[in-house]
Protein backbone atom coordinates (compact mmCIF):
# COMPACT_ATOMS: atom_id res chain seq x y z
CA UNK A 1 -3.60 21.09 2.01
CA UNK A 2 -4.33 24.80 2.57
CA UNK A 3 -1.22 25.09 4.74
CA UNK A 4 0.91 23.50 1.99
CA UNK A 5 -0.42 25.94 -0.60
CA UNK A 6 0.10 28.89 1.76
CA UNK A 7 3.69 27.80 2.42
CA UNK A 8 4.38 27.53 -1.33
CA UNK A 9 2.86 30.97 -1.99
CA UNK A 10 4.94 32.49 0.82
CA UNK A 11 8.10 30.97 -0.61
CA UNK A 12 7.34 32.42 -4.05
CA UNK A 13 6.72 35.84 -2.53
CA UNK A 14 10.00 35.67 -0.62
CA UNK A 15 11.90 34.88 -3.83
CA UNK A 16 10.24 37.77 -5.71
CA UNK A 17 10.93 40.24 -2.90
CA UNK A 18 14.52 39.08 -2.53
CA UNK A 19 15.04 39.45 -6.28
CA UNK A 20 13.72 43.02 -6.23
CA UNK A 21 15.84 43.95 -3.21
CA UNK A 22 18.98 42.58 -4.85
CA UNK A 23 18.18 44.45 -8.06
CA UNK A 24 17.61 47.73 -6.20
CA UNK A 25 20.81 47.26 -4.27
CA UNK A 26 22.68 46.80 -7.55
CA UNK A 27 24.30 43.59 -6.36
CA UNK A 28 24.95 40.69 -8.70
CA UNK A 29 24.48 40.53 -12.46
CA UNK A 30 21.57 39.83 -14.78
CA UNK A 31 21.08 36.16 -15.57
CA UNK A 32 18.84 35.75 -18.65
CA UNK A 33 20.64 32.73 -20.17
CA UNK A 34 19.02 29.26 -20.24
CA UNK A 35 22.27 27.77 -18.95
CA UNK A 36 22.96 30.46 -16.37
CA UNK A 37 23.50 29.92 -12.63
CA UNK A 38 19.83 30.51 -11.76
CA UNK A 39 18.60 27.82 -14.11
CA UNK A 40 21.40 25.43 -13.08
CA UNK A 41 20.65 25.87 -9.39
CA UNK A 42 16.89 25.60 -9.90
CA UNK A 43 17.23 22.54 -12.11
CA UNK A 44 19.43 20.75 -9.59
CA UNK A 45 17.07 21.47 -6.70
CA UNK A 46 13.95 20.50 -8.64
CA UNK A 47 15.57 17.27 -9.78
CA UNK A 48 16.55 16.45 -6.21
CA UNK A 49 13.04 17.22 -4.96
CA UNK A 50 11.47 15.05 -7.66
CA UNK A 51 13.81 12.16 -6.96
CA UNK A 52 13.10 12.39 -3.23
CA UNK A 53 9.32 12.41 -3.69
CA UNK A 54 9.51 9.69 -6.35
CA UNK A 55 11.68 7.45 -4.16
CA UNK A 56 9.32 7.79 -1.19
CA UNK A 57 6.26 7.19 -3.39
CA UNK A 58 7.86 3.97 -4.68
CA UNK A 59 9.49 2.59 -1.53
CA UNK A 60 6.56 3.08 0.87
CA UNK A 61 3.96 1.14 -1.23
CA UNK A 62 6.56 -1.53 -2.03
CA UNK A 63 7.29 -2.03 1.67
CA UNK A 64 3.58 -1.98 2.51
CA UNK A 65 2.85 -4.61 -0.15
CA UNK A 66 5.58 -6.92 1.19
CA UNK A 67 4.27 -6.55 4.74
CA UNK A 68 0.66 -7.14 3.64
CA UNK A 69 1.66 -10.24 1.67
CA UNK A 70 3.47 -11.68 4.71
CA UNK A 71 0.43 -10.96 6.85
CA UNK A 72 -1.87 -12.91 4.52
CA UNK A 73 0.36 -15.97 4.88
CA UNK A 74 0.37 -15.54 8.67
CA UNK A 75 -3.44 -15.41 8.70
CA UNK A 76 -3.86 -18.38 6.38
CA UNK A 77 -1.39 -20.45 8.42
CA UNK A 78 -3.33 -19.60 11.59
CA UNK A 79 -6.48 -20.88 9.87
CA UNK A 80 -4.77 -24.17 9.06
CA UNK A 81 -3.49 -24.52 12.63
CA UNK A 82 -6.97 -23.79 13.99
CA UNK A 83 -8.37 -26.45 11.65
CA UNK A 84 -5.93 -29.02 13.01
CA UNK A 85 -6.66 -28.04 16.61
CA UNK A 86 -10.42 -28.22 16.02
CA UNK A 87 -10.09 -31.88 15.06
CA UNK A 88 -9.44 -32.64 18.76
CA UNK A 89 -12.85 -31.29 19.78
CA UNK A 90 -15.94 -33.54 20.09
CA UNK A 91 -16.90 -34.77 16.58
CA UNK A 92 -20.03 -32.65 16.19
CA UNK A 93 -18.28 -29.49 17.39
CA UNK A 94 -15.21 -30.27 15.31
CA UNK A 95 -17.28 -30.57 12.14
CA UNK A 96 -19.04 -27.25 12.75
CA UNK A 97 -15.83 -25.35 13.51
CA UNK A 98 -13.94 -26.86 10.59
CA UNK A 99 -16.81 -26.12 8.22
CA UNK A 100 -16.81 -22.54 9.49
CA UNK A 101 -13.08 -22.22 8.85
CA UNK A 102 -13.49 -23.53 5.30
CA UNK A 103 -16.30 -21.05 4.70
CA UNK A 104 -14.16 -18.24 6.10
CA UNK A 105 -11.30 -19.01 3.72
CA UNK A 106 -13.65 -19.13 0.74
CA UNK A 107 -15.18 -15.82 1.78
CA UNK A 108 -11.80 -14.11 2.12
CA UNK A 109 -10.34 -15.33 -1.16
CA UNK A 110 -13.54 -14.53 -3.09
CA UNK A 111 -16.02 -11.73 -2.30
CA UNK A 112 -13.91 -10.09 0.40
CA UNK A 113 -10.83 -9.89 -1.77
CA UNK A 114 -12.78 -8.14 -4.52
CA UNK A 115 -14.14 -5.73 -1.90
CA UNK A 116 -10.62 -4.92 -0.68
CA UNK A 117 -9.38 -4.42 -4.22
CA UNK A 118 -12.26 -2.21 -5.37
CA UNK A 119 -13.28 -0.36 -2.20
CA UNK A 120 -10.38 -0.70 0.24
CA UNK A 121 -12.33 -2.37 3.05
CA UNK A 122 -13.16 -5.78 4.49
CA UNK A 123 -16.59 -7.36 4.47
CA UNK A 124 -18.88 -7.36 7.49
CA UNK A 125 -19.63 -11.02 6.74
CA UNK A 126 -16.01 -11.94 7.45
CA UNK A 127 -16.13 -10.37 10.91
CA UNK A 128 -19.47 -12.06 11.59
CA UNK A 129 -18.08 -15.43 10.53
CA UNK A 130 -15.03 -15.07 12.76
CA UNK A 131 -17.10 -13.97 15.76
CA UNK A 132 -19.44 -16.92 15.18
CA UNK A 133 -16.51 -19.33 15.18
CA UNK A 134 -15.27 -17.90 18.45
CA UNK A 135 -18.71 -18.36 20.04
CA UNK A 136 -18.91 -21.92 18.72
CA UNK A 137 -15.62 -22.83 20.34
CA UNK A 138 -16.42 -21.09 23.63
CA UNK A 139 -19.72 -23.00 23.78
CA UNK A 140 -17.98 -26.38 23.51
CA UNK A 141 -18.55 -28.55 26.60
CA UNK A 142 -14.92 -29.23 27.50
CA UNK A 143 -15.39 -31.86 30.21
CA UNK A 144 -11.81 -33.18 30.20
CA UNK A 145 -8.35 -31.64 30.34
CA UNK A 146 -7.68 -32.80 26.78
CA UNK A 147 -10.80 -31.05 25.49
CA UNK A 148 -9.97 -27.93 27.47
CA UNK A 149 -6.51 -27.87 25.91
CA UNK A 150 -7.99 -28.33 22.45
CA UNK A 151 -10.54 -25.59 23.09
CA UNK A 152 -7.83 -23.20 24.30
CA UNK A 153 -5.64 -24.01 21.31
CA UNK A 154 -8.43 -23.26 18.83
CA UNK A 155 -9.24 -19.99 20.60
CA UNK A 156 -5.57 -18.98 20.51
CA UNK A 157 -5.42 -19.57 16.76
CA UNK A 158 -8.68 -17.66 16.26
CA UNK A 159 -7.07 -14.76 18.13
CA UNK A 160 -4.14 -14.91 15.68
CA UNK A 161 -6.58 -14.91 12.76
CA UNK A 162 -8.39 -11.91 14.21
CA UNK A 163 -5.15 -9.98 14.75
CA UNK A 164 -4.00 -10.69 11.18
CA UNK A 165 -7.43 -9.72 9.89
CA UNK A 166 -7.26 -6.36 11.69
CA UNK A 167 -3.87 -5.77 10.10
CA UNK A 168 -5.30 -6.66 6.68
CA UNK A 169 -8.06 -4.13 7.24
CA UNK A 170 -5.42 -1.47 7.88
CA UNK A 171 -3.43 -2.56 4.81
CA UNK A 172 -6.54 -2.28 2.64
CA UNK A 173 -6.88 1.39 3.59
CA UNK A 174 -3.19 2.26 3.31
CA UNK A 175 -1.99 4.51 0.48
CA UNK A 176 0.65 7.24 0.12
CA UNK A 177 -0.43 10.73 1.23
CA UNK A 178 -2.21 12.68 -1.50
CA UNK A 179 0.23 15.56 -1.01
CA UNK A 180 3.18 13.30 -1.84
CA UNK A 181 1.55 12.17 -5.09
CA UNK A 182 0.76 15.77 -6.02
CA UNK A 183 4.36 16.87 -5.35
CA UNK A 184 5.65 13.97 -7.45
CA UNK A 185 3.44 14.95 -10.38
CA UNK A 186 4.15 18.69 -10.18
CA UNK A 187 7.92 18.33 -9.79
CA UNK A 188 7.97 15.80 -12.63
CA UNK A 189 6.16 18.24 -14.93
CA UNK A 190 8.43 21.15 -13.96
CA UNK A 191 11.61 19.10 -14.38
CA UNK A 192 10.38 17.99 -17.80
CA UNK A 193 9.57 21.53 -18.98
CA UNK A 194 12.30 23.47 -17.15
CA UNK A 195 14.56 23.95 -20.21
CA UNK A 196 11.63 25.46 -22.08
CA UNK A 197 10.68 27.68 -19.15
CA UNK A 198 14.29 28.88 -18.97
CA UNK A 199 14.16 30.06 -22.58
CA UNK A 200 15.86 27.17 -24.39
CA UNK A 201 14.50 26.29 -27.82
CA UNK A 202 15.67 22.75 -28.57
CA UNK A 203 15.63 21.66 -32.19
CA UNK A 204 16.57 18.60 -34.19
CA UNK A 205 18.51 15.95 -32.29
CA UNK A 206 18.44 17.96 -29.07
CA UNK A 207 14.75 17.09 -28.83
CA UNK A 208 15.55 13.36 -28.61
CA UNK A 209 16.98 13.28 -25.05
CA UNK A 210 14.30 15.73 -23.89
CA UNK A 211 11.56 13.52 -25.33
CA UNK A 212 13.13 10.38 -23.82
CA UNK A 213 13.30 12.04 -20.42
CA UNK A 214 9.67 13.14 -20.70
CA UNK A 215 8.54 9.63 -21.63
CA UNK A 216 10.43 7.99 -18.78
CA UNK A 217 9.18 10.57 -16.30
CA UNK A 218 5.60 9.98 -17.39
CA UNK A 219 6.05 6.21 -17.03
CA UNK A 220 7.56 6.66 -13.57
CA UNK A 221 4.73 8.91 -12.39
CA UNK A 222 2.17 6.43 -13.72
CA UNK A 223 3.96 3.68 -11.79
CA UNK A 224 3.60 5.71 -8.59
CA UNK A 225 -0.18 5.75 -8.98
CA UNK A 226 -0.34 2.15 -10.19
CA UNK A 227 1.27 0.73 -7.05
CA UNK A 228 -0.32 3.13 -4.57
CA UNK A 229 -2.82 0.53 -3.29
CA UNK A 230 -1.73 -2.75 -1.69
CA UNK A 231 -4.45 -4.95 -3.21
CA UNK A 232 -4.51 -3.65 -6.79
CA UNK A 233 -2.05 -2.47 -9.41
CA UNK A 234 1.44 -3.61 -10.29
CA UNK A 235 2.39 -4.74 -6.77
CA UNK A 236 -1.05 -6.06 -5.82
CA UNK A 237 -1.19 -8.74 -3.13
CA UNK A 238 -3.22 -11.68 -4.46
CA UNK A 239 -5.14 -14.27 -2.40
CA UNK A 240 -2.55 -16.97 -3.07
CA UNK A 241 -2.10 -17.63 0.64
CA UNK A 242 -5.80 -18.40 1.08
CA UNK A 243 -5.94 -20.48 -2.08
CA UNK A 244 -3.12 -22.58 -0.64
CA UNK A 245 -4.89 -22.75 2.72
CA UNK A 246 -8.11 -23.96 1.08
CA UNK A 247 -6.15 -26.76 -0.63
CA UNK A 248 -4.48 -27.63 2.68
CA UNK A 249 -7.85 -27.83 4.46
CA UNK A 250 -9.17 -30.17 1.78
CA UNK A 251 -6.08 -32.35 2.19
CA UNK A 252 -6.50 -32.47 5.96
CA UNK A 253 -10.18 -33.41 5.65
CA UNK A 254 -9.36 -36.16 3.17
CA UNK A 255 -6.54 -37.43 5.33
CA UNK A 256 -8.79 -37.51 8.38
């Protein structure tokens, strides 16, 4: 952040020095008008900078939310597949593993989801539950080839669940860089007030488009902050995938 501020200060100093050198050299003409070339050039560049920052601040969270949503469905589907594979284990082991998978889904869609939404992290209980399931499956006495295949299948699906969970942990911490949000806010404010800074004094109906622009800019900047986090705000990923998985596990248990 200090480097960004230093770069901005240096740029301002360069502009001031260049302006004084040009004035001393008696090149160019004075430009005091609100609609002069200086204001036109500055306005165009500021608008472009705002649009660039705004576009990045919108597109990146949108893409992250889509990726995180797909990952939740991949994890929940891996849970369902593990549940099916566990049914091929010895009855006592199958019941314990399936019960653990049901508990895991309930944990994710309940307390853990609130933790991701409010604090941007996953629960330690979820990792403990997943590690416990892995130990349960490894401890199964697979005395036949069929049991060994079932054991390997469950472990493979638990690996998929773990990989998706690690990705969800990264998604929960993902947000646009603070510098990008600051640039979006500052350029939005400057673009909104530039005519006034340039010396224009809008009156009557000329205030209408300026006020409309200000309102839309404010709404856009608020949107940037509202969608900055994957698991809360306007684009929040909801635990629909795990709700569906819980229903699927109940159906499988009833069907069995």
